[in-house]
C-alpha cells in the first residue's frame, strides 16, 4: 500500500526516455488536460522541458532530447501552455487541489478528478 508515499511520487506525462506527448497525440487540448491532471494530482509533478512550448519531436530517443534553444525565440513565456502551467502551479501552491482525491465517472468516456474536504462533496475538479 502506497499511503502517504504517493505525495512524493514523481509524475510525468513525457520525458527523455519516452516519446513526447504531442508526437503520439497531436490534440493540444488533450495535452492541456494531461497537464491539468499532472499539476492537480498528488505527487511531485515533473514537466519535461519543451512541453510548455508544445515540442512534438519524437518518436526516437534522440528526437525526445532535441534542444529547445536551437530555434530563434523557442522559449516563449507567453505561450498558452506556459501560462497554464504557471496558473496551475499557483493553484497547487495555494491549496486549491488539497483534500481527498476522487475519480468520478460521469460516463464511459468522461472522467472528473475531484477534490473534497469531506466525504460527501466534490468541491472542485478537472475533466480527464
Foldseek 3Di string as FASTA:
>chain_A
DCPPVQQAAEDEDDELQAFDPCLVPVDVVVLLLVLLCQLLDHHHYDYYPPVLQVDRFDDDSVRSVDDQPPDVPSDDCPRPSNVSNVVSNVCSVVQVSDADWDWDDPDPPKIWIFHDNDDPDGDDTGID
